[in-house]
Structures are given as C-alpha cells and as structure tokens.
N, C-alpha and C. Protein backbone atom coordinates (compact mmCIF):
# COMPACT_ATOMS: atom_id res chain seq x y z
N MET A 1 0.79 -1.01 -0.08
CA MET A 1 0.17 0.20 -0.15
C MET A 1 1.04 1.29 -0.10
N THR A 2 0.63 2.36 -0.57
CA THR A 2 1.18 3.19 -0.68
C THR A 2 1.13 4.28 0.22
N GLU A 3 2.01 4.72 0.88
CA GLU A 3 1.87 5.71 2.02
C GLU A 3 1.56 7.26 1.37
N HIS A 4 0.67 8.14 2.39
CA HIS A 4 0.13 9.19 1.54
C HIS A 4 0.25 10.44 2.78
N LEU A 5 0.99 11.46 2.45
CA LEU A 5 0.66 12.26 3.81
C LEU A 5 0.44 13.81 3.06
N PHE A 6 -0.70 13.99 3.92
CA PHE A 6 -1.23 15.19 3.42
C PHE A 6 -1.97 15.03 2.14
N GLY A 7 -2.26 13.66 2.02
CA GLY A 7 -3.19 13.42 0.65
C GLY A 7 -2.27 13.17 -0.04
N LEU A 8 -0.94 13.26 0.19
CA LEU A 8 0.28 13.21 -0.99
C LEU A 8 1.32 11.86 -1.05
N THR A 9 1.51 11.57 -2.08
CA THR A 9 2.14 10.18 -1.97
C THR A 9 4.08 10.66 -1.29
N VAL A 10 4.76 9.88 -0.99
CA VAL A 10 5.65 10.41 -0.64
C VAL A 10 6.63 10.35 -1.64
N ASN A 11 6.16 9.99 -2.65
CA ASN A 11 6.91 10.35 -3.94
C ASN A 11 6.81 12.23 -4.04
N GLU A 12 5.48 12.03 -4.29
CA GLU A 12 5.38 13.55 -4.69
C GLU A 12 5.40 14.50 -3.58
N VAL A 13 5.78 14.17 -2.28
CA VAL A 13 6.09 14.78 -1.36
C VAL A 13 7.54 15.24 -1.31
N MET A 14 8.41 14.28 -1.73
CA MET A 14 9.70 14.78 -2.24
C MET A 14 10.08 15.75 -3.17
N ALA A 15 9.05 15.44 -4.61
CA ALA A 15 9.28 15.88 -5.37
C ALA A 15 8.84 17.78 -5.11
N TYR A 16 8.02 18.07 -4.40
CA TYR A 16 7.53 18.97 -3.91
C TYR A 16 8.57 19.69 -3.09
N ALA A 17 9.46 18.72 -2.31
CA ALA A 17 10.43 19.44 -1.35
C ALA A 17 11.65 20.17 -1.99
N ALA A 18 12.19 19.63 -3.22
CA ALA A 18 12.96 19.42 -4.01
C ALA A 18 12.19 19.96 -4.70
N ILE A 19 11.68 20.88 -5.24
CA ILE A 19 11.17 22.39 -5.99
C ILE A 19 11.08 23.41 -5.40
N ALA A 20 10.77 23.25 -3.95
CA ALA A 20 11.07 23.97 -2.94
C ALA A 20 12.05 24.86 -2.49
N ASN A 21 13.22 23.57 -2.84
CA ASN A 21 14.43 23.68 -2.15
C ASN A 21 15.25 24.50 -3.33
N VAL A 22 15.00 24.00 -4.48
CA VAL A 22 15.57 24.71 -5.86
C VAL A 22 14.68 26.08 -5.69
N VAL A 23 13.61 26.60 -5.50
CA VAL A 23 12.89 27.98 -5.67
C VAL A 23 13.75 28.46 -4.71
N LEU A 24 13.53 27.62 -3.51
CA LEU A 24 14.56 28.59 -2.21
C LEU A 24 15.84 29.02 -2.42
N VAL A 25 16.61 28.13 -3.50
CA VAL A 25 17.89 28.39 -3.88
C VAL A 25 18.12 29.47 -4.43
N ILE A 26 17.05 29.60 -5.80
CA ILE A 26 17.40 30.67 -6.89
C ILE A 26 16.71 31.82 -5.76
N LEU A 27 15.85 31.89 -4.57
CA LEU A 27 15.44 33.11 -4.05
C LEU A 27 16.95 33.44 -3.53
N LEU A 28 17.78 32.76 -2.43
CA LEU A 28 18.76 33.37 -2.18
C LEU A 28 19.63 33.92 -3.20
N ALA A 29 19.82 33.11 -3.98
CA ALA A 29 20.71 33.64 -4.95
C ALA A 29 20.27 35.16 -5.57
N PHE A 30 19.13 35.27 -5.67
CA PHE A 30 18.45 36.63 -6.07
C PHE A 30 19.15 37.38 -5.53
N LEU A 31 18.76 37.35 -4.08
CA LEU A 31 19.02 37.70 -2.92
C LEU A 31 20.39 38.85 -2.62
N THR A 32 20.94 37.15 -2.87
CA THR A 32 22.73 37.78 -2.69
C THR A 32 23.13 38.78 -3.44
N THR A 33 22.47 38.16 -5.15
CA THR A 33 23.12 39.46 -6.13
C THR A 33 22.80 40.33 -5.81
N TYR A 34 21.10 40.45 -5.75
CA TYR A 34 20.59 41.63 -4.93
C TYR A 34 21.50 42.80 -4.29
N TYR A 35 21.85 42.24 -3.07
CA TYR A 35 22.52 42.98 -2.10
C TYR A 35 23.96 43.06 -2.74
N ALA A 36 24.47 42.22 -3.12
CA ALA A 36 25.64 42.28 -3.54
C ALA A 36 26.22 43.52 -4.60
N TRP A 37 24.81 43.61 -5.55
CA TRP A 37 24.74 45.21 -6.14
C TRP A 37 24.74 46.34 -5.57
N HIS A 38 23.91 46.22 -4.73
CA HIS A 38 23.29 47.41 -3.91
C HIS A 38 24.46 47.82 -3.01
N ALA A 39 25.28 46.79 -2.68
CA ALA A 39 26.84 47.30 -1.99
C ALA A 39 27.74 48.18 -2.67
N LYS A 40 27.69 47.19 -4.30
CA LYS A 40 28.84 47.56 -4.81
C LYS A 40 27.92 49.12 -5.49
N ARG A 41 26.89 49.28 -5.47
CA ARG A 41 26.43 50.79 -5.73
C ARG A 41 26.65 51.66 -4.26
N GLN A 42 26.88 51.05 -3.38
CA GLN A 42 27.07 52.52 -2.12
C GLN A 42 28.27 52.17 -2.19
N ALA A 43 29.37 51.43 -2.46
CA ALA A 43 30.64 51.29 -2.45
C ALA A 43 31.04 52.60 -3.71
N ASP A 44 30.56 52.72 -4.66
CA ASP A 44 30.67 53.40 -6.01
C ASP A 44 30.25 54.92 -5.26
N ALA A 45 29.06 54.77 -4.76
CA ALA A 45 28.89 56.16 -4.24
C ALA A 45 29.60 56.74 -3.22
N SER A 46 30.37 56.01 -2.31
CA SER A 46 31.05 56.52 -1.90
C SER A 46 32.18 56.75 -2.14
N HIS A 47 32.73 55.79 -3.15
CA HIS A 47 34.43 56.03 -3.99
C HIS A 47 33.94 57.26 -4.82
N GLN A 48 32.78 58.11 -5.60
CA GLN A 48 32.61 59.27 -6.28
C GLN A 48 32.45 60.16 -4.96
N GLU A 49 32.14 60.17 -3.76
CA GLU A 49 31.62 61.17 -2.94
C GLU A 49 33.65 61.26 -2.53
N VAL A 50 34.35 60.38 -1.96
CA VAL A 50 35.54 60.23 -1.77
C VAL A 50 36.43 61.16 -2.68
N ALA A 51 36.36 60.78 -4.38
CA ALA A 51 36.94 61.44 -5.51
C ALA A 51 36.47 62.76 -5.32
N ALA A 52 35.16 63.38 -5.36
CA ALA A 52 34.82 64.39 -5.08
C ALA A 52 35.19 65.43 -3.85
N SER A 53 35.32 64.99 -3.07
CA SER A 53 36.13 65.24 -1.57
C SER A 53 37.10 65.68 -1.84
N LYS A 54 38.25 64.93 -2.60
CA LYS A 54 39.65 65.34 -2.82
C LYS A 54 39.85 66.06 -3.78
N ARG A 55 38.90 65.85 -5.00
CA ARG A 55 39.12 67.14 -6.18
C ARG A 55 38.78 68.48 -5.44
N GLN A 56 38.03 68.28 -4.47
CA GLN A 56 37.44 70.20 -3.64
C GLN A 56 38.84 70.36 -2.44
N ALA A 57 39.32 69.44 -2.09
CA ALA A 57 40.11 69.72 -1.38
C ALA A 57 41.63 70.54 -1.94
N ASP A 58 41.79 69.34 -3.60
CA ASP A 58 42.90 69.83 -4.36
C ASP A 58 42.66 71.50 -4.63
N ILE A 59 41.40 71.30 -5.71
CA ILE A 59 40.98 73.01 -5.56
C ILE A 59 41.16 73.74 -4.46
N ALA A 60 40.93 73.50 -3.73
CA ALA A 60 41.18 74.24 -2.21
C ALA A 60 42.67 74.34 -2.13
N GLN A 61 43.76 73.50 -1.92
CA GLN A 61 44.47 73.77 -1.82
C GLN A 61 45.47 74.58 -3.01
N GLN A 62 45.12 74.30 -3.72
CA GLN A 62 46.10 75.02 -5.37
C GLN A 62 45.26 76.91 -5.21
N THR A 63 44.11 76.74 -4.53
CA THR A 63 43.51 78.28 -4.59
C THR A 63 44.33 78.86 -3.82
N LEU A 64 44.77 78.05 -2.68
CA LEU A 64 45.20 78.86 -0.85
C LEU A 64 46.58 79.00 -1.45
N ASP A 65 47.51 78.25 -2.18
CA ASP A 65 48.88 78.12 -2.85
C ASP A 65 48.94 79.27 -3.75
N LEU A 66 47.73 79.72 -4.57
CA LEU A 66 47.86 80.73 -5.55
C LEU A 66 47.47 82.10 -4.91
N LEU A 67 46.70 82.04 -3.37
CA LEU A 67 46.78 83.50 -2.59
C LEU A 67 48.15 83.94 -2.29
N LEU A 68 48.77 82.36 -1.37
CA LEU A 68 49.71 82.40 -0.85
C LEU A 68 51.00 83.35 -1.84
N ARG A 69 51.02 82.96 -3.30
CA ARG A 69 52.24 83.43 -3.78
C ARG A 69 51.77 84.94 -4.60
N GLN A 70 50.47 85.19 -4.46
CA GLN A 70 50.16 86.62 -4.63
C GLN A 70 50.49 87.39 -3.94
N THR A 71 50.10 86.98 -2.68
CA THR A 71 50.17 87.73 -1.26
C THR A 71 52.14 87.87 -0.89
N GLU A 72 53.27 86.71 -1.03
CA GLU A 72 54.17 87.07 -1.06
C GLU A 72 55.29 87.42 -2.20
N GLN A 73 54.04 87.60 -3.90
CA GLN A 73 54.63 88.67 -4.59
C GLN A 73 53.95 90.03 -4.53
N GLN A 74 53.30 90.58 -3.55
CA GLN A 74 52.94 91.84 -3.56
C GLN A 74 54.12 92.14 -2.25
N ARG A 75 54.20 91.39 -1.18
CA ARG A 75 55.07 91.79 -0.18
C ARG A 75 56.48 92.06 -0.72
N GLN A 76 56.76 91.14 -1.83
CA GLN A 76 58.26 91.44 -2.17
C GLN A 76 58.23 92.97 -3.11
N ILE A 77 56.89 93.09 -3.81
CA ILE A 77 56.65 94.35 -4.72
C ILE A 77 56.90 95.64 -3.23
N ASP A 78 56.20 95.64 -2.30
CA ASP A 78 56.47 96.62 -1.35
C ASP A 78 57.63 96.59 -0.95
N LEU A 79 58.56 95.92 -0.46
CA LEU A 79 59.34 95.37 0.19
C LEU A 79 60.61 96.08 -1.24
N SER A 80 60.60 95.88 -2.33
CA SER A 80 61.01 96.66 -3.12
C SER A 80 61.12 98.24 -3.05
N ALA A 81 59.76 98.48 -3.49
CA ALA A 81 59.37 100.27 -3.16
C ALA A 81 60.18 100.93 -1.99
N VAL A 82 59.76 99.84 -1.21
CA VAL A 82 60.18 101.00 0.12
C VAL A 82 61.94 100.93 0.07
N SER A 83 62.57 100.01 -0.37
CA SER A 83 63.79 99.78 -0.15
C SER A 83 64.42 101.14 -1.25
N PHE A 84 63.47 100.97 -2.82
CA PHE A 84 63.67 102.10 -3.71
C PHE A 84 63.73 103.45 -3.04
N ASN A 85 62.64 103.82 -2.52
CA ASN A 85 62.21 105.01 -1.78
C ASN A 85 62.97 105.68 -0.75
N LEU A 86 63.31 104.66 -0.07
CA LEU A 86 64.67 104.79 0.91
C LEU A 86 66.06 105.75 1.01
N GLU A 87 66.63 104.82 -0.38
CA GLU A 87 67.50 104.79 -0.96
C GLU A 87 67.56 106.22 -1.50
N ALA A 88 66.23 106.45 -2.05
CA ALA A 88 66.38 108.04 -3.09
C ALA A 88 66.30 108.79 -1.82
N ALA A 89 65.67 108.84 -0.66
CA ALA A 89 65.14 109.85 0.38
C ALA A 89 66.79 109.83 1.03
N ILE A 90 67.31 108.97 1.05
CA ILE A 90 69.11 109.20 1.78
C ILE A 90 69.62 110.14 0.53
N HIS A 91 69.53 109.82 -0.56
CA HIS A 91 69.99 110.56 -1.50
C HIS A 91 70.01 112.04 -1.39
N MET A 92 68.35 112.44 -1.20
CA MET A 92 68.31 113.81 -1.32
C MET A 92 68.83 114.20 -0.13
N VAL A 93 68.56 113.82 0.80
CA VAL A 93 69.08 114.46 2.33
C VAL A 93 70.56 114.56 2.43
N ASP A 94 71.53 113.92 1.92
CA ASP A 94 72.58 114.03 1.53
C ASP A 94 72.88 115.14 0.51
N GLN A 95 71.76 115.38 -0.18
CA GLN A 95 72.43 116.83 -1.11
C GLN A 95 72.10 118.24 -0.10
N TRP A 96 70.97 118.06 0.52
CA TRP A 96 70.66 119.11 1.00
C TRP A 96 71.34 119.37 2.41
N GLN A 97 72.07 118.03 2.91
CA GLN A 97 73.08 118.23 4.04
C GLN A 97 74.50 118.99 3.13
N THR A 98 74.63 118.76 2.06
CA THR A 98 75.68 119.54 1.69
C THR A 98 75.39 120.84 1.54
N ARG A 99 74.45 121.40 0.90
CA ARG A 99 74.04 122.56 0.99
C ARG A 99 74.15 123.34 2.29
N MET A 100 73.47 122.82 3.07
CA MET A 100 73.52 123.30 4.90
C MET A 100 75.14 123.71 5.10
N ARG A 101 76.02 123.10 4.57
CA ARG A 101 77.22 123.10 5.04
C ARG A 101 77.96 124.41 4.41
N SER A 102 77.39 125.32 3.33
CA SER A 102 78.13 126.45 2.86
C SER A 102 77.89 127.63 4.09
N ASP A 103 79.18 128.02 3.95
CA ASP A 103 79.41 129.76 4.76
C ASP A 103 78.60 130.98 4.51
N SER A 104 78.07 130.36 3.00
CA SER A 104 77.00 131.40 2.68
C SER A 104 76.04 131.27 2.19
N TYR A 105 75.01 132.05 2.13
CA TYR A 105 73.95 131.86 1.97
C TYR A 105 73.48 131.02 0.67
N PRO A 106 72.75 129.91 1.14
CA PRO A 106 73.21 128.88 0.38
C PRO A 106 71.82 128.81 -1.41
N GLN A 107 72.31 128.56 -2.43
CA GLN A 107 71.60 128.68 -3.46
C GLN A 107 70.10 127.55 -3.31
N LEU A 108 68.96 128.35 -3.08
CA LEU A 108 68.05 127.64 -2.73
C LEU A 108 66.95 127.23 -3.75
N PRO A 109 66.34 126.06 -4.39
CA PRO A 109 65.28 126.13 -5.37
C PRO A 109 63.95 126.46 -5.05
N ASP A 110 63.53 126.75 -6.56
CA ASP A 110 61.91 127.48 -6.24
C ASP A 110 60.89 126.37 -5.27
N VAL A 111 61.26 125.25 -5.45
CA VAL A 111 60.42 123.85 -4.79
C VAL A 111 61.50 123.65 -3.87
N ILE A 112 60.91 123.48 -2.62
CA ILE A 112 61.74 122.44 -1.77
C ILE A 112 61.35 121.31 -1.71
N GLU A 113 61.77 120.58 -1.65
CA GLU A 113 61.49 118.79 -1.65
C GLU A 113 62.88 118.30 -1.24
N LEU A 114 62.52 117.36 -0.26
CA LEU A 114 63.73 116.90 0.58
C LEU A 114 63.62 115.42 0.66
N ARG A 115 62.57 115.02 0.08
CA ARG A 115 61.88 113.65 0.28
C ARG A 115 61.51 113.29 -1.28
N PRO A 116 60.96 111.97 -1.54
CA PRO A 116 60.20 111.37 -2.35
C PRO A 116 58.71 111.88 -2.46
N THR A 117 58.43 112.01 -3.43
CA THR A 117 57.05 112.52 -3.50
C THR A 117 55.99 111.41 -2.80
N ASN A 118 56.57 109.96 -3.06
CA ASN A 118 55.35 109.13 -2.47
C ASN A 118 56.10 108.38 -1.29
N PHE A 119 56.91 109.26 -0.29
CA PHE A 119 57.55 108.37 0.55
C PHE A 119 56.63 107.94 2.13
N SER A 120 56.19 109.08 2.18
CA SER A 120 54.56 108.73 3.19
C SER A 120 53.72 107.24 2.98
N SER A 121 53.73 107.01 1.55
CA SER A 121 53.30 105.91 1.69
C SER A 121 53.97 104.65 1.84
N SER A 122 55.34 104.35 1.26
CA SER A 122 56.73 103.60 1.74
C SER A 122 56.15 103.55 3.00
N VAL A 123 56.18 104.58 4.30
CA VAL A 123 56.23 104.41 5.57
C VAL A 123 55.00 103.32 6.32
N ALA A 124 53.98 103.49 4.91
CA ALA A 124 53.18 102.87 5.60
C ALA A 124 52.98 101.09 5.09
N ASN A 125 53.73 101.09 3.89
CA ASN A 125 54.00 100.22 3.19
C ASN A 125 55.23 99.15 4.04
N ALA A 126 55.89 99.81 4.78
CA ALA A 126 57.02 99.20 5.73
C ALA A 126 56.26 98.74 6.72
N GLU A 127 55.22 99.28 7.56
CA GLU A 127 54.65 99.32 8.38
C GLU A 127 53.90 97.55 8.49
N LYS A 128 53.88 96.75 7.13
CA LYS A 128 52.83 95.81 6.91
C LYS A 128 54.14 94.66 6.82
N PHE A 129 55.33 95.03 6.77
CA PHE A 129 56.40 93.87 7.32
C PHE A 129 57.50 94.16 8.21
N ASP A 130 57.58 95.45 8.75
CA ASP A 130 58.52 95.55 9.62
C ASP A 130 58.21 97.04 10.69
N SER A 131 57.65 97.16 11.79
CA SER A 131 57.49 97.96 12.64
C SER A 131 58.65 98.93 12.82
N ILE A 132 59.71 98.48 12.88
CA ILE A 132 61.33 99.29 13.39
C ILE A 132 61.45 99.98 11.94
N VAL A 133 61.67 99.15 10.78
CA VAL A 133 61.97 99.99 9.62
C VAL A 133 60.36 101.19 9.63
N ALA A 134 59.43 100.81 9.64
CA ALA A 134 58.65 102.42 9.57
C ALA A 134 58.80 102.98 10.83
N GLY A 135 58.91 102.48 12.23
CA GLY A 135 59.31 103.60 12.79
C GLY A 135 60.53 104.24 12.45
N ASN A 136 61.34 103.88 11.88
CA ASN A 136 62.59 104.49 12.09
C ASN A 136 62.16 105.21 10.45
N MET A 137 61.33 105.25 9.51
CA MET A 137 61.12 105.94 8.39
C MET A 137 60.16 107.26 9.04
N GLY A 138 59.46 107.01 10.07
CA GLY A 138 58.31 107.66 9.99
C GLY A 138 59.12 108.55 10.76
N ALA A 139 59.59 108.69 11.69
CA ALA A 139 60.42 109.78 12.18
C ALA A 139 61.31 110.54 11.32
N ALA A 140 62.13 109.84 10.66
CA ALA A 140 62.75 110.32 10.00
C ALA A 140 61.99 111.56 8.65
N LEU A 141 60.72 111.34 8.66
CA LEU A 141 59.97 112.18 7.51
C LEU A 141 59.58 113.06 8.45
N LEU A 142 59.11 112.76 9.67
CA LEU A 142 59.32 114.24 10.87
C LEU A 142 59.84 115.15 11.20
N TYR A 143 61.54 114.64 10.66
CA TYR A 143 62.85 115.40 10.88
C TYR A 143 63.14 116.26 9.45
N ILE A 144 62.53 115.63 8.29
CA ILE A 144 62.77 116.04 6.99
C ILE A 144 61.18 117.29 7.22
N SER A 145 60.60 117.03 7.75
CA SER A 145 59.26 118.10 7.20
C SER A 145 60.10 118.96 7.81
N GLU A 146 60.41 118.98 9.01
CA GLU A 146 61.17 120.21 10.10
C GLU A 146 62.01 120.71 9.45
N ALA A 147 63.41 120.12 8.91
CA ALA A 147 64.25 121.13 7.91
C ALA A 147 63.41 121.96 6.56
N GLU A 148 62.49 121.04 5.97
CA GLU A 148 61.89 121.75 4.77
C GLU A 148 61.17 123.33 5.49
N THR A 149 60.41 123.04 6.65
CA THR A 149 59.79 124.42 7.06
C THR A 149 61.19 125.27 7.31
N ASN A 150 62.36 125.14 7.84
CA ASN A 150 63.38 125.53 8.15
C ASN A 150 63.78 126.50 6.88
N ILE A 151 63.83 125.33 6.12
CA ILE A 151 64.79 125.94 4.27
C ILE A 151 63.97 127.11 4.07
N ARG A 152 62.24 126.79 4.29
CA ARG A 152 61.52 127.79 3.35
C ARG A 152 61.60 128.97 4.37
N VAL A 153 61.96 129.30 5.45
CA VAL A 153 62.12 130.36 6.64
C VAL A 153 63.34 131.23 5.87
N MET A 154 64.30 130.41 5.59
CA MET A 154 65.70 130.36 5.18
C MET A 154 65.23 131.33 3.11
N ARG A 155 64.88 130.57 2.61
CA ARG A 155 64.30 131.54 1.51
C ARG A 155 63.65 132.57 1.34
N GLY A 156 62.91 132.93 2.52
CA GLY A 156 62.24 133.93 2.57
C GLY A 156 63.13 135.22 3.49
N ALA A 157 64.10 134.54 3.99
CA ALA A 157 65.00 136.17 4.65
C ALA A 157 66.06 137.08 3.22
N ASN A 158 66.51 137.47 4.07
CA ASN A 158 67.35 138.48 3.07
C ASN A 158 68.88 138.15 3.05
N PRO A 159 69.38 137.34 1.90
CA PRO A 159 70.67 137.00 2.04
C PRO A 159 71.63 137.76 2.64
N ALA A 160 71.52 139.15 2.23
CA ALA A 160 72.35 140.06 3.16
C ALA A 160 72.60 140.05 4.58
N LEU A 161 71.84 139.65 5.00
CA LEU A 161 71.47 139.78 6.62
C LEU A 161 71.33 138.21 7.40
N PRO A 162 72.55 137.64 7.17
CA PRO A 162 72.77 136.32 8.29
C PRO A 162 72.13 135.56 9.06
N GLN A 163 72.04 137.15 10.20
CA GLN A 163 71.01 136.93 11.02
C GLN A 163 69.74 136.52 11.18
N SER A 164 69.60 136.72 9.59
CA SER A 164 67.91 136.35 9.25
C SER A 164 67.54 134.91 8.96
N TRP A 165 68.76 134.29 8.64
CA TRP A 165 68.95 132.81 7.96
C TRP A 165 69.94 131.94 8.69
N LEU A 166 70.84 132.83 9.17
CA LEU A 166 71.77 131.39 10.27
C LEU A 166 70.98 130.46 11.10
N THR A 167 69.95 131.21 11.78
CA THR A 167 69.18 130.24 12.75
C THR A 167 68.64 129.05 12.15
N PRO A 168 67.71 129.75 10.98
CA PRO A 168 67.23 128.37 10.70
C PRO A 168 67.84 127.16 9.88
N ARG A 169 69.03 127.85 9.04
CA ARG A 169 70.04 126.87 8.74
C ARG A 169 70.43 125.91 9.66
N GLU A 170 70.80 126.46 10.67
CA GLU A 170 71.24 125.45 11.75
C GLU A 170 70.39 124.44 12.45
N LYS A 171 69.04 125.17 12.34
CA LYS A 171 68.01 124.23 12.21
C LYS A 171 67.56 123.02 11.30
N ALA A 172 67.97 123.13 10.16
CA ALA A 172 67.33 122.65 9.50
C ALA A 172 68.54 121.65 9.22
N ALA A 173 69.92 121.91 9.58
CA ALA A 173 70.84 121.08 9.60
C ALA A 173 71.26 119.98 10.71
N ASN A 174 70.68 120.65 11.51
CA ASN A 174 70.20 119.58 12.94
C ASN A 174 68.93 118.47 12.30
N ALA A 175 67.73 118.69 12.03
CA ALA A 175 67.11 118.31 11.88
C ALA A 175 67.34 117.28 10.42
N LEU A 176 67.99 118.04 9.63
CA LEU A 176 68.52 116.38 8.21
C LEU A 176 69.72 115.50 9.03
N GLY A 177 70.50 116.22 10.19
CA GLY A 177 71.15 115.18 10.70
C GLY A 177 70.64 114.29 11.34
N VAL A 178 69.09 114.40 11.89
CA VAL A 178 68.63 112.96 12.66
C VAL A 178 67.98 112.51 11.47
N ALA A 179 67.36 113.08 10.78
CA ALA A 179 66.56 112.22 9.55
C ALA A 179 67.73 111.56 8.99
N ARG A 180 68.70 111.90 8.18
CA ARG A 180 69.91 111.21 8.07
C ARG A 180 69.86 109.70 8.95
N PHE A 181 70.22 109.76 10.18
CA PHE A 181 70.43 108.73 11.24
C PHE A 181 69.62 107.51 11.15
N LYS A 182 67.87 108.29 11.11
CA LYS A 182 66.81 107.67 10.97
C LYS A 182 66.74 106.65 10.08
N LEU A 183 67.18 107.25 8.52
CA LEU A 183 67.19 106.64 7.50
C LEU A 183 68.42 105.46 7.44
N ASP A 184 69.60 105.96 7.53
CA ASP A 184 70.29 104.66 8.08
C ASP A 184 70.20 103.51 8.72
N SER A 185 69.12 103.62 10.06
CA SER A 185 68.96 103.02 10.62
C SER A 185 67.66 102.07 10.19
N ALA A 186 66.94 102.94 9.23
CA ALA A 186 65.91 102.02 8.67
C ALA A 186 66.37 100.99 7.54
N ARG A 187 67.04 101.56 6.60
CA ARG A 187 68.19 100.94 5.72
C ARG A 187 69.11 99.59 6.43
N THR A 188 69.54 99.62 7.39
CA THR A 188 70.28 98.69 8.06
C THR A 188 69.16 97.84 8.67
N ARG A 189 68.42 98.14 9.07
CA ARG A 189 66.94 96.98 9.49
C ARG A 189 66.54 96.45 8.46
N LEU A 190 66.10 96.76 6.97
CA LEU A 190 65.65 96.32 6.07
C LEU A 190 66.54 95.65 5.37
N ARG A 191 67.94 95.78 5.17
CA ARG A 191 68.90 94.96 4.35
C ARG A 191 69.21 93.34 5.59
N THR A 192 68.94 94.11 6.84
CA THR A 192 68.74 92.82 7.49
C THR A 192 67.87 91.27 7.40
N LEU A 193 66.67 92.32 7.32
CA LEU A 193 65.57 91.35 7.30
C LEU A 193 65.36 91.01 5.86
N THR A 194 66.13 91.56 4.80
CA THR A 194 65.90 91.17 3.42
C THR A 194 66.95 90.11 3.34
N GLU A 195 68.03 89.78 3.82
CA GLU A 195 69.00 88.67 4.13
C GLU A 195 68.30 87.78 4.79
N GLY A 196 67.33 88.22 5.83
CA GLY A 196 67.06 86.89 6.49
C GLY A 196 66.02 86.23 5.80
N GLU A 197 65.24 86.49 5.01
CA GLU A 197 64.38 86.32 3.76
C GLU A 197 65.15 85.24 3.05
N GLN A 198 66.25 85.87 2.32
CA GLN A 198 66.98 85.03 1.53
C GLN A 198 67.59 83.94 2.08
N LEU A 199 68.11 83.95 3.51
CA LEU A 199 68.35 82.86 3.78
C LEU A 199 67.72 81.37 4.22
N ARG A 200 66.23 82.37 4.48
CA ARG A 200 65.21 81.18 5.18
C ARG A 200 64.88 80.55 3.48
N ALA A 201 64.88 81.56 2.44
CA ALA A 201 64.34 80.85 1.17
C ALA A 201 65.31 79.85 0.52
N ALA A 202 66.89 79.92 0.78
CA ALA A 202 67.65 79.09 0.60
C ALA A 202 67.51 78.05 0.99
N LEU A 203 67.23 78.02 2.38
CA LEU A 203 67.12 76.52 3.27
C LEU A 203 65.62 75.85 2.94
N ARG A 204 64.69 76.59 2.15
CA ARG A 204 63.81 75.95 1.96
C ARG A 204 63.89 75.27 0.47
N GLY A 205 65.07 75.45 -0.45
CA GLY A 205 65.75 75.34 -1.81
C GLY A 205 64.65 76.20 -2.89
N ASP A 206 63.95 77.25 -2.22
CA ASP A 206 63.54 78.31 -3.11
C ASP A 206 65.13 79.57 -4.22
N SER A 207 64.24 79.29 -5.06
CA SER A 207 65.48 80.36 -5.69
C SER A 207 65.38 81.74 -5.25
N PRO A 208 66.45 82.52 -4.91
CA PRO A 208 67.09 83.64 -4.64
C PRO A 208 66.23 84.84 -5.12
N ALA A 209 65.80 84.74 -6.84
CA ALA A 209 64.72 85.48 -7.45
C ALA A 209 63.33 85.55 -7.16
N ALA A 210 63.03 84.29 -6.25
CA ALA A 210 61.50 84.26 -6.27
C ALA A 210 61.59 84.87 -4.66
N SER A 211 62.42 85.10 -3.87
CA SER A 211 62.44 85.68 -3.02
C SER A 211 62.35 87.24 -2.85
N LEU A 212 62.80 87.85 -3.78
CA LEU A 212 63.29 89.25 -4.20
C LEU A 212 62.02 89.97 -4.87
C-alpha cells in the first residue's frame, strides 16, 4: 500500500520538497545578487564622494597656494618699493646736507623737496612687514618736514642779513642730521630683514629671485 501525507504520496512530497529547495536556492541567489549589487552601488557612490571631496580639497589647496604666492609677490613688491624710496630719500637728504654746510647763503630752488613724493606711502608699506623700519622712516619723515619748514624760512630771509637765515639754517641742518641717522637705521634694518628672508628661502630650496 502506498503511504500518503497530506493527501500526497511520499514521492510527490519529495518532488515538491525538491522544487521548494530549488526555489529557495534561486531566491537566496537572487537576494545575494541584489545585496551585492546594492553594496557595490553604495561603494561606488562612496568612492565618487571621496573622489569629489579629494578634488575639492585639491582645488582649495591650489587656490590657497595661489593666494600665498600672490601675497608673497605683493610683499616683495612693497619691499622693493620701500627700499627704493629709502635710498632715494637718503640721497636727497645728503644733497641738502651739503647745501646747508655752506658758510654763505645757499642757493635754494623754488621748490623745496627733501624726500620722494611717495615717501609717506612707503612708510605705510613698511609697517606691513616690519614696525622698526616703519618707525625709523616715520621719525625721519618728521625731521625732514622740520628741515623743509626751516629751509622755507631761509628762502624768505634776506641773504645780506645773516642773522635772518643763520638760525633756520642751523635748525635745518640739525634736523637733516637726525633724519639721516633714522634713514640709515631703517636701511640697515631693512637689509638685515631681506638677508634673513633670502637665507630662509635658500634653506627651503627656493631660488633667490623668487624671494626678492
């Protein structure tokens, strides 16, 4: 007699069980494939996000490097301009000191100028990189202005009356002497600063031209 289970023969039950196992295997395979595909999508998305973040970081670093180079270039431009105007001011003060040493009434030009026209802006630029240089230049500017005032008094005096121009000439000469000392102090400090930057650039492996 054939045995039955739930109205099915043993062979039928085994056949249905085999079918169920096949379906279960297919389902598990499908689920495994789906989760593997989903995990790959998430991994790809993560990789894309990482790549995008890296690109953004690279762009930000490039932008920062560019800004730093531009800042350094502007600093070197300001440094060169300050150095040039400092040397020009020293030259002009030296010329006026020679005029003031004359025993007779000196020949004075119509326009009294003892410093470069943009010397004040150079003082402001010097403040950006060294307060000592700027301080000496600012002090020199005050003494130069004092000398200019006394020289203008001399120009309005009577050359035939020494008592009318000897005192302002002495005051102008004294002011120029102090101004010359302040300018020389600023130049010495500026040279030390420049040499220090050149040394640091050499230690970093930069070319000297890039640091000037």
